[in-house]
Amino acid sequence: MQITKKTLSDIAIAYGVEAEFDSQMFREDELNIGTTDGEQIWLSKFDDMEIMAIAFLHELGHILFQRRFFRRSRSFSKITDEGAAWEVAFMLADELLRPLNAYNNKKLREYAMHCMRSYMIEYNELDDKHE
């Protein structure tokens, strides 16, 4: 099974979510990132389809986690929120995109850890501003 934007779009439709790939909401130099508002997923341009797939599943993870457990709340730790979305992403990858072999894919784990480190830096900077 080759993973394509169509594959990811079909997954989005199955979960009742809209997805926009190569979204114009990102600057040209913003690569390999995504975001969600809880109903729609936007992804920037990606230079690697596997990374795009796990980033897409991460954003879908936010949506599914919120639907199941809570509506996004600012009282909930961003780090915990992001970690939960990554856990859901890797579970979804194992279920829906088996060829990714996500749990054993070093590149995908490194991408997720890079993102988690960026959230921790961002979170610490926010804390510093409130002290």
Foldseek 3Di string as FASTA:
>chain_A
DDDDVVLLCVVCVVVQAAEAELDPVDDPPDELAWEDPLRYIYHHHYPDRLSVLLRSQLRVQLNVCCVPPHPDDPVDDPLVSSVSSSVRSQVCCVVRVVVSVQVPNPVNVVVSVVVSVVSVVVVVVVVVVVD
